[in-house]
Amino acid sequence: MVVANGTSPTNMGLYLLSSLAAHDFGYISTGVLIERLGRTLRAMGNLDRFHSHFYNYWYSTRELFPLQPLYVSTVDSGNLAGHLLTLKWGI
C-alpha cells in the first residue's frame, strides 16, 4: 500500500465529514471524533493560505507547507466551505 504524503482542501473537508460519518455509524466514540476534528482543524489553521483561501494544489502532510505550483481555486474553496457547513450542522 502507498500512503500519499499530501492533501488538498477538498480532501481535508472530506476527512472531517468521514470522521463525522464514522461517529454517526458507531465506529468511533464522541471523544475520538472530537480529538480528530480538533487535531485536523488546528493543523488546518497553521497552513499557509492566500487571502484566507487554502491553496488548491497539495499540502505536505509531513511538513505542513503547500507544494508547487501555488494557486487558489474557487471550486476547491467552495468544496471545503460546503464540507465545513455540513460538518457544522452534523455535529
Protein backbone atom coordinates (compact mmCIF):
# COMPACT_ATOMS: atom_id res chain seq x y z
CA MET A 1 0.00 0.00 0.00
CA VAL A 2 1.20 3.51 -0.83
CA VAL A 3 0.31 6.35 1.51
CA ALA A 4 0.06 9.80 -0.03
CA ASN A 5 2.13 12.45 1.72
CA GLY A 6 -0.10 15.29 0.59
CA THR A 7 -3.63 16.55 0.89
CA SER A 8 -5.88 19.19 -0.66
CA PRO A 9 -8.62 21.42 0.80
CA THR A 10 -11.31 19.16 -0.65
CA ASN A 11 -9.66 16.12 0.90
CA MET A 12 -9.37 17.87 4.27
CA GLY A 13 -13.11 18.59 4.21
CA LEU A 14 -13.93 15.04 3.21
CA TYR A 15 -11.77 13.72 6.05
CA LEU A 16 -13.74 15.83 8.53
CA LEU A 17 -17.04 14.53 7.12
CA SER A 18 -15.83 10.93 7.05
CA SER A 19 -14.93 11.23 10.73
CA LEU A 20 -18.44 12.52 11.45
CA ALA A 21 -19.93 9.63 9.46
CA ALA A 22 -17.76 7.12 11.35
CA HIS A 23 -19.13 8.55 14.58
CA ASP A 24 -22.73 8.54 13.35
CA PHE A 25 -22.42 4.88 12.32
CA GLY A 26 -20.90 3.98 15.69
CA TYR A 27 -17.38 3.17 14.50
CA ILE A 28 -15.74 5.81 16.70
CA SER A 29 -16.73 7.37 20.02
CA THR A 30 -17.62 11.00 20.59
CA GLY A 31 -14.27 11.52 22.30
CA VAL A 32 -12.37 10.18 19.30
CA LEU A 33 -14.46 12.35 16.96
CA ILE A 34 -13.70 15.48 18.99
CA GLU A 35 -10.00 14.60 19.07
CA ARG A 36 -9.86 14.02 15.30
CA LEU A 37 -11.77 17.17 14.45
CA GLY A 38 -9.74 19.30 16.83
CA ARG A 39 -6.42 17.97 15.62
CA THR A 40 -7.37 18.42 11.98
CA LEU A 41 -8.81 21.92 12.39
CA ARG A 42 -5.74 23.04 14.38
CA ALA A 43 -3.45 21.73 11.65
CA MET A 44 -5.55 23.46 9.00
CA GLY A 45 -5.28 26.69 10.97
CA ASN A 46 -1.49 26.51 10.71
CA LEU A 47 -1.37 26.04 6.92
CA ASP A 48 -0.21 28.83 4.62
CA ARG A 49 -3.06 30.48 2.72
CA PHE A 50 -3.66 33.20 0.16
CA HIS A 51 -6.12 35.83 1.41
CA SER A 52 -7.64 33.20 3.74
CA HIS A 53 -8.05 30.66 0.91
CA PHE A 54 -6.22 27.37 1.10
CA TYR A 55 -4.07 26.61 -1.90
CA ASN A 56 -5.72 24.24 -4.34
CA TYR A 57 -2.76 22.01 -5.02
CA TRP A 58 -1.38 19.69 -2.37
CA TYR A 59 -0.11 20.39 1.12
CA SER A 60 2.66 18.24 2.54
CA THR A 61 1.19 16.21 5.40
CA ARG A 62 4.63 15.90 6.97
CA GLU A 63 5.91 19.48 6.85
CA LEU A 64 2.51 21.25 6.52
CA PHE A 65 3.53 23.53 3.66
CA PRO A 66 1.93 23.97 0.23
CA LEU A 67 3.56 22.22 -2.69
CA GLN A 68 4.28 23.90 -6.00
CA PRO A 69 2.65 25.30 -8.06
CA LEU A 70 0.73 27.61 -5.71
CA TYR A 71 -2.75 28.61 -6.83
CA VAL A 72 -6.25 29.07 -5.44
CA SER A 73 -9.39 27.51 -6.90
CA THR A 74 -12.93 28.68 -6.26
CA VAL A 75 -14.06 25.08 -6.79
CA ASP A 76 -11.80 23.71 -4.06
CA SER A 77 -12.62 26.63 -1.75
CA GLY A 78 -16.33 26.02 -2.37
CA ASN A 79 -15.97 22.30 -1.70
CA LEU A 80 -14.27 22.98 1.62
CA ALA A 81 -16.85 25.62 2.56
CA GLY A 82 -19.67 23.17 1.85
CA HIS A 83 -17.94 20.45 3.85
CA LEU A 84 -17.46 22.79 6.81
CA LEU A 85 -21.12 23.87 6.70
CA THR A 86 -22.23 20.25 6.57
CA LEU A 87 -19.94 19.42 9.49
CA LYS A 88 -21.37 22.34 11.50
CA TRP A 89 -24.93 21.10 11.03
CA GLY A 90 -23.94 17.47 11.52
CA ILE A 91 -22.39 17.89 14.94
